[in-house]
mmCIF file of all heavy atoms, coordinates in Angstrom:
data_MODEL
# 
_entry.id   MODEL 
# 
loop_
_atom_site.group_PDB 
_atom_site.id 
_atom_site.type_symbol 
_atom_site.label_atom_id 
_atom_site.label_alt_id 
_atom_site.label_comp_id 
_atom_site.label_asym_id 
_atom_site.label_entity_id 
_atom_site.label_seq_id 
_atom_site.pdbx_PDB_ins_code 
_atom_site.Cartn_x 
_atom_site.Cartn_y 
_atom_site.Cartn_z 
_atom_site.occupancy 
_atom_site.B_iso_or_equiv 
_atom_site.pdbx_formal_charge 
_atom_site.auth_seq_id 
_atom_site.auth_comp_id 
_atom_site.auth_asym_id 
_atom_site.auth_atom_id 
_atom_site.pdbx_PDB_model_num 
ATOM 1   N N   . GLN A 1 1  ? -20.413 -28.248 61.536 1.00 0.00 ? 1  GLN A N   1 
ATOM 2   C CA  . GLN A 1 1  ? -18.940 -28.080 61.131 1.00 0.00 ? 1  GLN A CA  1 
ATOM 3   C C   . GLN A 1 1  ? -18.195 -27.615 62.365 1.00 0.00 ? 1  GLN A C   1 
ATOM 4   O O   . GLN A 1 1  ? -18.550 -26.623 62.914 1.00 0.00 ? 1  GLN A O   1 
ATOM 5   C CB  . GLN A 1 1  ? -18.865 -27.021 59.939 1.00 0.00 ? 1  GLN A CB  1 
ATOM 6   C CG  . GLN A 1 1  ? -19.521 -27.522 58.744 1.00 0.00 ? 1  GLN A CG  1 
ATOM 7   C CD  . GLN A 1 1  ? -19.489 -26.427 57.654 1.00 0.00 ? 1  GLN A CD  1 
ATOM 8   O OE1 . GLN A 1 1  ? -19.419 -25.237 57.928 1.00 0.00 ? 1  GLN A OE1 1 
ATOM 9   N NE2 . GLN A 1 1  ? -19.505 -26.883 56.318 1.00 0.00 ? 1  GLN A NE2 1 
ATOM 10  N N   . GLY A 1 2  ? -17.184 -28.328 62.686 1.00 0.00 ? 2  GLY A N   1 
ATOM 11  C CA  . GLY A 1 2  ? -16.247 -27.934 63.791 1.00 0.00 ? 2  GLY A CA  1 
ATOM 12  C C   . GLY A 1 2  ? -16.912 -27.709 65.076 1.00 0.00 ? 2  GLY A C   1 
ATOM 13  O O   . GLY A 1 2  ? -16.529 -26.812 65.889 1.00 0.00 ? 2  GLY A O   1 
ATOM 14  N N   . GLY A 1 3  ? -17.911 -28.544 65.398 1.00 0.00 ? 3  GLY A N   1 
ATOM 15  C CA  . GLY A 1 3  ? -18.539 -28.490 66.676 1.00 0.00 ? 3  GLY A CA  1 
ATOM 16  C C   . GLY A 1 3  ? -19.602 -27.425 66.814 1.00 0.00 ? 3  GLY A C   1 
ATOM 17  O O   . GLY A 1 3  ? -20.194 -27.252 67.863 1.00 0.00 ? 3  GLY A O   1 
ATOM 18  N N   . LEU A 1 4  ? -19.940 -26.721 65.707 1.00 0.00 ? 4  LEU A N   1 
ATOM 19  C CA  . LEU A 1 4  ? -20.949 -25.713 65.614 1.00 0.00 ? 4  LEU A CA  1 
ATOM 20  C C   . LEU A 1 4  ? -21.979 -26.132 64.618 1.00 0.00 ? 4  LEU A C   1 
ATOM 21  O O   . LEU A 1 4  ? -21.693 -26.857 63.696 1.00 0.00 ? 4  LEU A O   1 
ATOM 22  C CB  . LEU A 1 4  ? -20.381 -24.382 65.285 1.00 0.00 ? 4  LEU A CB  1 
ATOM 23  C CG  . LEU A 1 4  ? -19.368 -23.742 66.350 1.00 0.00 ? 4  LEU A CG  1 
ATOM 24  C CD1 . LEU A 1 4  ? -18.804 -22.417 65.750 1.00 0.00 ? 4  LEU A CD1 1 
ATOM 25  C CD2 . LEU A 1 4  ? -20.159 -23.338 67.684 1.00 0.00 ? 4  LEU A CD2 1 
ATOM 26  N N   . MET A 1 5  ? -23.254 -25.603 64.806 1.00 0.00 ? 5  MET A N   1 
ATOM 27  C CA  . MET A 1 5  ? -24.276 -25.834 63.841 1.00 0.00 ? 5  MET A CA  1 
ATOM 28  C C   . MET A 1 5  ? -24.395 -24.610 62.946 1.00 0.00 ? 5  MET A C   1 
ATOM 29  O O   . MET A 1 5  ? -24.832 -23.614 63.410 1.00 0.00 ? 5  MET A O   1 
ATOM 30  C CB  . MET A 1 5  ? -25.578 -26.137 64.470 1.00 0.00 ? 5  MET A CB  1 
ATOM 31  C CG  . MET A 1 5  ? -26.637 -26.727 63.531 1.00 0.00 ? 5  MET A CG  1 
ATOM 32  S SD  . MET A 1 5  ? -26.124 -28.304 62.789 1.00 0.00 ? 5  MET A SD  1 
ATOM 33  C CE  . MET A 1 5  ? -26.319 -29.406 64.188 1.00 0.00 ? 5  MET A CE  1 
ATOM 34  N N   . HIS A 1 6  ? -23.935 -24.684 61.680 1.00 0.00 ? 6  HIS A N   1 
ATOM 35  C CA  . HIS A 1 6  ? -23.920 -23.571 60.886 1.00 0.00 ? 6  HIS A CA  1 
ATOM 36  C C   . HIS A 1 6  ? -25.277 -23.553 60.033 1.00 0.00 ? 6  HIS A C   1 
ATOM 37  O O   . HIS A 1 6  ? -25.899 -24.586 59.789 1.00 0.00 ? 6  HIS A O   1 
ATOM 38  C CB  . HIS A 1 6  ? -22.758 -23.657 59.868 1.00 0.00 ? 6  HIS A CB  1 
ATOM 39  C CG  . HIS A 1 6  ? -21.456 -23.497 60.438 1.00 0.00 ? 6  HIS A CG  1 
ATOM 40  N ND1 . HIS A 1 6  ? -20.699 -22.272 60.371 1.00 0.00 ? 6  HIS A ND1 1 
ATOM 41  C CD2 . HIS A 1 6  ? -20.625 -24.255 61.290 1.00 0.00 ? 6  HIS A CD2 1 
ATOM 42  C CE1 . HIS A 1 6  ? -19.596 -22.363 60.997 1.00 0.00 ? 6  HIS A CE1 1 
ATOM 43  N NE2 . HIS A 1 6  ? -19.530 -23.559 61.595 1.00 0.00 ? 6  HIS A NE2 1 
ATOM 44  N N   . VAL A 1 7  ? -25.695 -22.303 59.758 1.00 0.00 ? 7  VAL A N   1 
ATOM 45  C CA  . VAL A 1 7  ? -26.853 -22.081 58.999 1.00 0.00 ? 7  VAL A CA  1 
ATOM 46  C C   . VAL A 1 7  ? -26.474 -21.371 57.613 1.00 0.00 ? 7  VAL A C   1 
ATOM 47  O O   . VAL A 1 7  ? -25.678 -20.371 57.675 1.00 0.00 ? 7  VAL A O   1 
ATOM 48  C CB  . VAL A 1 7  ? -27.937 -21.277 59.707 1.00 0.00 ? 7  VAL A CB  1 
ATOM 49  C CG1 . VAL A 1 7  ? -29.202 -21.105 58.894 1.00 0.00 ? 7  VAL A CG1 1 
ATOM 50  C CG2 . VAL A 1 7  ? -28.182 -21.793 61.039 1.00 0.00 ? 7  VAL A CG2 1 
ATOM 51  N N   . LYS A 1 8  ? -26.974 -21.898 56.551 1.00 0.00 ? 8  LYS A N   1 
ATOM 52  C CA  . LYS A 1 8  ? -26.789 -21.253 55.240 1.00 0.00 ? 8  LYS A CA  1 
ATOM 53  C C   . LYS A 1 8  ? -28.118 -21.136 54.537 1.00 0.00 ? 8  LYS A C   1 
ATOM 54  O O   . LYS A 1 8  ? -28.820 -22.106 54.429 1.00 0.00 ? 8  LYS A O   1 
ATOM 55  C CB  . LYS A 1 8  ? -25.806 -22.037 54.345 1.00 0.00 ? 8  LYS A CB  1 
ATOM 56  C CG  . LYS A 1 8  ? -24.400 -22.179 54.978 1.00 0.00 ? 8  LYS A CG  1 
ATOM 57  C CD  . LYS A 1 8  ? -23.467 -23.031 54.089 1.00 0.00 ? 8  LYS A CD  1 
ATOM 58  C CE  . LYS A 1 8  ? -22.071 -23.094 54.639 1.00 0.00 ? 8  LYS A CE  1 
ATOM 59  N NZ  . LYS A 1 8  ? -21.144 -23.852 53.772 1.00 0.00 ? 8  LYS A NZ  1 
ATOM 60  N N   . SER A 1 9  ? -28.553 -19.895 54.204 1.00 0.00 ? 9  SER A N   1 
ATOM 61  C CA  . SER A 1 9  ? -29.784 -19.614 53.620 1.00 0.00 ? 9  SER A CA  1 
ATOM 62  C C   . SER A 1 9  ? -29.666 -18.881 52.319 1.00 0.00 ? 9  SER A C   1 
ATOM 63  O O   . SER A 1 9  ? -28.667 -18.156 52.093 1.00 0.00 ? 9  SER A O   1 
ATOM 64  C CB  . SER A 1 9  ? -30.666 -18.808 54.546 1.00 0.00 ? 9  SER A CB  1 
ATOM 65  O OG  . SER A 1 9  ? -30.822 -19.456 55.843 1.00 0.00 ? 9  SER A OG  1 
ATOM 66  N N   . MET A 1 10 ? -30.587 -19.135 51.392 1.00 0.00 ? 10 MET A N   1 
ATOM 67  C CA  . MET A 1 10 ? -30.606 -18.404 50.060 1.00 0.00 ? 10 MET A CA  1 
ATOM 68  C C   . MET A 1 10 ? -32.040 -17.950 49.879 1.00 0.00 ? 10 MET A C   1 
ATOM 69  O O   . MET A 1 10 ? -33.029 -18.611 50.135 1.00 0.00 ? 10 MET A O   1 
ATOM 70  C CB  . MET A 1 10 ? -30.191 -19.328 48.931 1.00 0.00 ? 10 MET A CB  1 
ATOM 71  C CG  . MET A 1 10 ? -28.752 -19.693 48.999 1.00 0.00 ? 10 MET A CG  1 
ATOM 72  S SD  . MET A 1 10 ? -28.207 -20.535 47.461 1.00 0.00 ? 10 MET A SD  1 
ATOM 73  C CE  . MET A 1 10 ? -26.451 -20.790 47.898 1.00 0.00 ? 10 MET A CE  1 
ATOM 74  N N   . GLU A 1 11 ? -32.073 -16.727 49.280 1.00 0.00 ? 11 GLU A N   1 
ATOM 75  C CA  . GLU A 1 11 ? -33.377 -16.127 49.013 1.00 0.00 ? 11 GLU A CA  1 
ATOM 76  C C   . GLU A 1 11 ? -33.283 -15.577 47.659 1.00 0.00 ? 11 GLU A C   1 
ATOM 77  O O   . GLU A 1 11 ? -32.484 -14.898 47.216 1.00 0.00 ? 11 GLU A O   1 
ATOM 78  C CB  . GLU A 1 11 ? -33.600 -14.947 50.039 1.00 0.00 ? 11 GLU A CB  1 
ATOM 79  C CG  . GLU A 1 11 ? -34.958 -14.324 50.049 1.00 0.00 ? 11 GLU A CG  1 
ATOM 80  C CD  . GLU A 1 11 ? -35.026 -13.248 51.064 1.00 0.00 ? 11 GLU A CD  1 
ATOM 81  O OE1 . GLU A 1 11 ? -34.376 -12.169 51.006 1.00 0.00 ? 11 GLU A OE1 1 
ATOM 82  O OE2 . GLU A 1 11 ? -35.753 -13.474 52.019 1.00 0.00 ? 11 GLU A OE2 1 
ATOM 83  N N   . ARG A 1 12 ? -34.413 -15.947 46.859 1.00 0.00 ? 12 ARG A N   1 
ATOM 84  C CA  . ARG A 1 12 ? -34.503 -15.526 45.450 1.00 0.00 ? 12 ARG A CA  1 
ATOM 85  C C   . ARG A 1 12 ? -35.833 -14.805 45.291 1.00 0.00 ? 12 ARG A C   1 
ATOM 86  O O   . ARG A 1 12 ? -36.907 -15.329 45.667 1.00 0.00 ? 12 ARG A O   1 
ATOM 87  C CB  . ARG A 1 12 ? -34.569 -16.681 44.507 1.00 0.00 ? 12 ARG A CB  1 
ATOM 88  C CG  . ARG A 1 12 ? -33.238 -17.122 44.024 1.00 0.00 ? 12 ARG A CG  1 
ATOM 89  C CD  . ARG A 1 12 ? -33.423 -18.288 43.071 1.00 0.00 ? 12 ARG A CD  1 
ATOM 90  N NE  . ARG A 1 12 ? -32.300 -18.399 42.120 1.00 0.00 ? 12 ARG A NE  1 
ATOM 91  C CZ  . ARG A 1 12 ? -32.241 -19.357 41.199 1.00 0.00 ? 12 ARG A CZ  1 
ATOM 92  N NH1 . ARG A 1 12 ? -33.274 -20.258 41.165 1.00 0.00 ? 12 ARG A NH1 1 
ATOM 93  N NH2 . ARG A 1 12 ? -31.243 -19.460 40.360 1.00 0.00 ? 12 ARG A NH2 1 
ATOM 94  N N   . LEU A 1 13 ? -35.796 -13.523 45.028 1.00 0.00 ? 13 LEU A N   1 
ATOM 95  C CA  . LEU A 1 13 ? -37.061 -12.741 44.889 1.00 0.00 ? 13 LEU A CA  1 
ATOM 96  C C   . LEU A 1 13 ? -37.127 -12.051 43.549 1.00 0.00 ? 13 LEU A C   1 
ATOM 97  O O   . LEU A 1 13 ? -36.160 -11.364 43.058 1.00 0.00 ? 13 LEU A O   1 
ATOM 98  C CB  . LEU A 1 13 ? -37.053 -11.623 46.002 1.00 0.00 ? 13 LEU A CB  1 
ATOM 99  C CG  . LEU A 1 13 ? -37.076 -12.130 47.434 1.00 0.00 ? 13 LEU A CG  1 
ATOM 100 C CD1 . LEU A 1 13 ? -36.869 -11.061 48.409 1.00 0.00 ? 13 LEU A CD1 1 
ATOM 101 C CD2 . LEU A 1 13 ? -38.399 -12.906 47.731 1.00 0.00 ? 13 LEU A CD2 1 
ATOM 102 N N   . ARG A 1 14 ? -38.223 -12.301 42.876 1.00 0.00 ? 14 ARG A N   1 
ATOM 103 C CA  . ARG A 1 14 ? -38.403 -11.740 41.492 1.00 0.00 ? 14 ARG A CA  1 
ATOM 104 C C   . ARG A 1 14 ? -39.706 -10.949 41.432 1.00 0.00 ? 14 ARG A C   1 
ATOM 105 O O   . ARG A 1 14 ? -40.739 -11.359 41.953 1.00 0.00 ? 14 ARG A O   1 
ATOM 106 C CB  . ARG A 1 14 ? -38.480 -12.852 40.473 1.00 0.00 ? 14 ARG A CB  1 
ATOM 107 C CG  . ARG A 1 14 ? -37.162 -13.637 40.316 1.00 0.00 ? 14 ARG A CG  1 
ATOM 108 C CD  . ARG A 1 14 ? -37.285 -14.622 39.143 1.00 0.00 ? 14 ARG A CD  1 
ATOM 109 N NE  . ARG A 1 14 ? -36.099 -15.382 38.930 1.00 0.00 ? 14 ARG A NE  1 
ATOM 110 C CZ  . ARG A 1 14 ? -35.892 -16.602 39.507 1.00 0.00 ? 14 ARG A CZ  1 
ATOM 111 N NH1 . ARG A 1 14 ? -36.815 -17.040 40.365 1.00 0.00 ? 14 ARG A NH1 1 
ATOM 112 N NH2 . ARG A 1 14 ? -34.856 -17.249 39.286 1.00 0.00 ? 14 ARG A NH2 1 
ATOM 113 N N   . ASP A 1 15 ? -39.696 -9.792  40.846 1.00 0.00 ? 15 ASP A N   1 
ATOM 114 C CA  . ASP A 1 15 ? -40.813 -8.911  40.628 1.00 0.00 ? 15 ASP A CA  1 
ATOM 115 C C   . ASP A 1 15 ? -40.700 -8.317  39.221 1.00 0.00 ? 15 ASP A C   1 
ATOM 116 O O   . ASP A 1 15 ? -40.235 -7.212  39.017 1.00 0.00 ? 15 ASP A O   1 
ATOM 117 C CB  . ASP A 1 15 ? -40.902 -7.817  41.715 1.00 0.00 ? 15 ASP A CB  1 
ATOM 118 C CG  . ASP A 1 15 ? -42.129 -6.961  41.523 1.00 0.00 ? 15 ASP A CG  1 
ATOM 119 O OD1 . ASP A 1 15 ? -42.859 -7.146  40.562 1.00 0.00 ? 15 ASP A OD1 1 
ATOM 120 O OD2 . ASP A 1 15 ? -42.335 -6.080  42.371 1.00 0.00 ? 15 ASP A OD2 1 
ATOM 121 N N   . PRO A 1 16 ? -41.014 -9.126  38.198 1.00 0.00 ? 16 PRO A N   1 
ATOM 122 C CA  . PRO A 1 16 ? -40.841 -8.646  36.826 1.00 0.00 ? 16 PRO A CA  1 
ATOM 123 C C   . PRO A 1 16 ? -41.488 -7.389  36.467 1.00 0.00 ? 16 PRO A C   1 
ATOM 124 O O   . PRO A 1 16 ? -41.001 -6.545  35.723 1.00 0.00 ? 16 PRO A O   1 
ATOM 125 C CB  . PRO A 1 16 ? -41.514 -9.816  35.971 1.00 0.00 ? 16 PRO A CB  1 
ATOM 126 C CG  . PRO A 1 16 ? -41.365 -10.982 36.882 1.00 0.00 ? 16 PRO A CG  1 
ATOM 127 C CD  . PRO A 1 16 ? -41.592 -10.465 38.269 1.00 0.00 ? 16 PRO A CD  1 
ATOM 128 N N   . GLY A 1 17 ? -42.689 -7.093  37.136 1.00 0.00 ? 17 GLY A N   1 
ATOM 129 C CA  . GLY A 1 17 ? -43.347 -5.838  36.884 1.00 0.00 ? 17 GLY A CA  1 
ATOM 130 C C   . GLY A 1 17 ? -42.587 -4.655  37.216 1.00 0.00 ? 17 GLY A C   1 
ATOM 131 O O   . GLY A 1 17 ? -42.678 -3.593  36.597 1.00 0.00 ? 17 GLY A O   1 
ATOM 132 N N   . ASN A 1 18 ? -41.828 -4.752  38.286 1.00 0.00 ? 18 ASN A N   1 
ATOM 133 C CA  . ASN A 1 18 ? -40.989 -3.620  38.708 1.00 0.00 ? 18 ASN A CA  1 
ATOM 134 C C   . ASN A 1 18 ? -39.497 -3.781  38.426 1.00 0.00 ? 18 ASN A C   1 
ATOM 135 O O   . ASN A 1 18 ? -38.627 -3.036  38.893 1.00 0.00 ? 18 ASN A O   1 
ATOM 136 C CB  . ASN A 1 18 ? -41.103 -3.356  40.229 1.00 0.00 ? 18 ASN A CB  1 
ATOM 137 C CG  . ASN A 1 18 ? -42.470 -2.945  40.628 1.00 0.00 ? 18 ASN A CG  1 
ATOM 138 O OD1 . ASN A 1 18 ? -43.013 -1.961  40.060 1.00 0.00 ? 18 ASN A OD1 1 
ATOM 139 N ND2 . ASN A 1 18 ? -43.171 -3.650  41.536 1.00 0.00 ? 18 ASN A ND2 1 
ATOM 140 N N   . GLY A 1 19 ? -39.189 -4.881  37.621 1.00 0.00 ? 19 GLY A N   1 
ATOM 141 C CA  . GLY A 1 19 ? -37.829 -5.066  37.171 1.00 0.00 ? 19 GLY A CA  1 
ATOM 142 C C   . GLY A 1 19 ? -36.865 -5.424  38.352 1.00 0.00 ? 19 GLY A C   1 
ATOM 143 O O   . GLY A 1 19 ? -35.660 -5.173  38.337 1.00 0.00 ? 19 GLY A O   1 
ATOM 144 N N   . ILE A 1 20 ? -37.355 -6.186  39.249 1.00 0.00 ? 20 ILE A N   1 
ATOM 145 C CA  . ILE A 1 20 ? -36.631 -6.517  40.514 1.00 0.00 ? 20 ILE A CA  1 
ATOM 146 C C   . ILE A 1 20 ? -36.234 -8.046  40.430 1.00 0.00 ? 20 ILE A C   1 
ATOM 147 O O   . ILE A 1 20 ? -37.112 -8.888  40.178 1.00 0.00 ? 20 ILE A O   1 
ATOM 148 C CB  . ILE A 1 20 ? -37.435 -6.340  41.784 1.00 0.00 ? 20 ILE A CB  1 
ATOM 149 C CG1 . ILE A 1 20 ? -37.610 -4.783  41.955 1.00 0.00 ? 20 ILE A CG1 1 
ATOM 150 C CG2 . ILE A 1 20 ? -36.667 -6.866  43.027 1.00 0.00 ? 20 ILE A CG2 1 
ATOM 151 C CD1 . ILE A 1 20 ? -38.507 -4.447  43.169 1.00 0.00 ? 20 ILE A CD1 1 
ATOM 152 N N   . GLN A 1 21 ? -35.085 -8.320  40.548 1.00 0.00 ? 21 GLN A N   1 
ATOM 153 C CA  . GLN A 1 21 ? -34.534 -9.700  40.618 1.00 0.00 ? 21 GLN A CA  1 
ATOM 154 C C   . GLN A 1 21 ? -33.439 -9.757  41.716 1.00 0.00 ? 21 GLN A C   1 
ATOM 155 O O   . GLN A 1 21 ? -32.379 -9.253  41.452 1.00 0.00 ? 21 GLN A O   1 
ATOM 156 C CB  . GLN A 1 21 ? -34.004 -10.228 39.287 1.00 0.00 ? 21 GLN A CB  1 
ATOM 157 C CG  . GLN A 1 21 ? -33.601 -11.701 39.411 1.00 0.00 ? 21 GLN A CG  1 
ATOM 158 C CD  . GLN A 1 21 ? -33.429 -12.299 38.027 1.00 0.00 ? 21 GLN A CD  1 
ATOM 159 O OE1 . GLN A 1 21 ? -34.087 -12.022 37.094 1.00 0.00 ? 21 GLN A OE1 1 
ATOM 160 N NE2 . GLN A 1 21 ? -32.427 -13.228 37.891 1.00 0.00 ? 21 GLN A NE2 1 
ATOM 161 N N   . GLN A 1 22 ? -33.659 -10.286 42.836 1.00 0.00 ? 22 GLN A N   1 
ATOM 162 C CA  . GLN A 1 22 ? -32.723 -10.264 43.984 1.00 0.00 ? 22 GLN A CA  1 
ATOM 163 C C   . GLN A 1 22 ? -32.307 -11.637 44.361 1.00 0.00 ? 22 GLN A C   1 
ATOM 164 O O   . GLN A 1 22 ? -33.226 -12.550 44.518 1.00 0.00 ? 22 GLN A O   1 
ATOM 165 C CB  . GLN A 1 22 ? -33.332 -9.572  45.185 1.00 0.00 ? 22 GLN A CB  1 
ATOM 166 C CG  . GLN A 1 22 ? -32.495 -9.509  46.432 1.00 0.00 ? 22 GLN A CG  1 
ATOM 167 C CD  . GLN A 1 22 ? -33.188 -9.006  47.610 1.00 0.00 ? 22 GLN A CD  1 
ATOM 168 O OE1 . GLN A 1 22 ? -34.370 -8.601  47.560 1.00 0.00 ? 22 GLN A OE1 1 
ATOM 169 N NE2 . GLN A 1 22 ? -32.517 -8.960  48.731 1.00 0.00 ? 22 GLN A NE2 1 
ATOM 170 N N   . PHE A 1 23 ? -31.061 -11.866 44.517 1.00 0.00 ? 23 PHE A N   1 
ATOM 171 C CA  . PHE A 1 23 ? -30.488 -13.164 45.053 1.00 0.00 ? 23 PHE A CA  1 
ATOM 172 C C   . PHE A 1 23 ? -29.657 -12.809 46.230 1.00 0.00 ? 23 PHE A C   1 
ATOM 173 O O   . PHE A 1 23 ? -28.666 -12.084 46.168 1.00 0.00 ? 23 PHE A O   1 
ATOM 174 C CB  . PHE A 1 23 ? -29.652 -13.862 43.945 1.00 0.00 ? 23 PHE A CB  1 
ATOM 175 C CG  . PHE A 1 23 ? -29.124 -15.200 44.388 1.00 0.00 ? 23 PHE A CG  1 
ATOM 176 C CD1 . PHE A 1 23 ? -29.860 -16.313 44.317 1.00 0.00 ? 23 PHE A CD1 1 
ATOM 177 C CD2 . PHE A 1 23 ? -27.817 -15.255 44.912 1.00 0.00 ? 23 PHE A CD2 1 
ATOM 178 C CE1 . PHE A 1 23 ? -29.368 -17.483 44.694 1.00 0.00 ? 23 PHE A CE1 1 
ATOM 179 C CE2 . PHE A 1 23 ? -27.311 -16.482 45.266 1.00 0.00 ? 23 PHE A CE2 1 
ATOM 180 C CZ  . PHE A 1 23 ? -28.085 -17.612 45.190 1.00 0.00 ? 23 PHE A CZ  1 
ATOM 181 N N   . SER A 1 24 ? -30.021 -13.309 47.382 1.00 0.00 ? 24 SER A N   1 
ATOM 182 C CA  . SER A 1 24 ? -29.292 -13.043 48.625 1.00 0.00 ? 24 SER A CA  1 
ATOM 183 C C   . SER A 1 24 ? -28.931 -14.290 49.345 1.00 0.00 ? 24 SER A C   1 
ATOM 184 O O   . SER A 1 24 ? -29.598 -15.371 49.272 1.00 0.00 ? 24 SER A O   1 
ATOM 185 C CB  . SER A 1 24 ? -30.164 -12.221 49.654 1.00 0.00 ? 24 SER A CB  1 
ATOM 186 O OG  . SER A 1 24 ? -30.588 -11.012 49.023 1.00 0.00 ? 24 SER A OG  1 
# 
């Protein structure tokens, strides 16, 4: 985009045992 190489990342982490659900 616009002469640059952009990076877009997504991270989904779930740990039901510890009640963790993370979306970054």
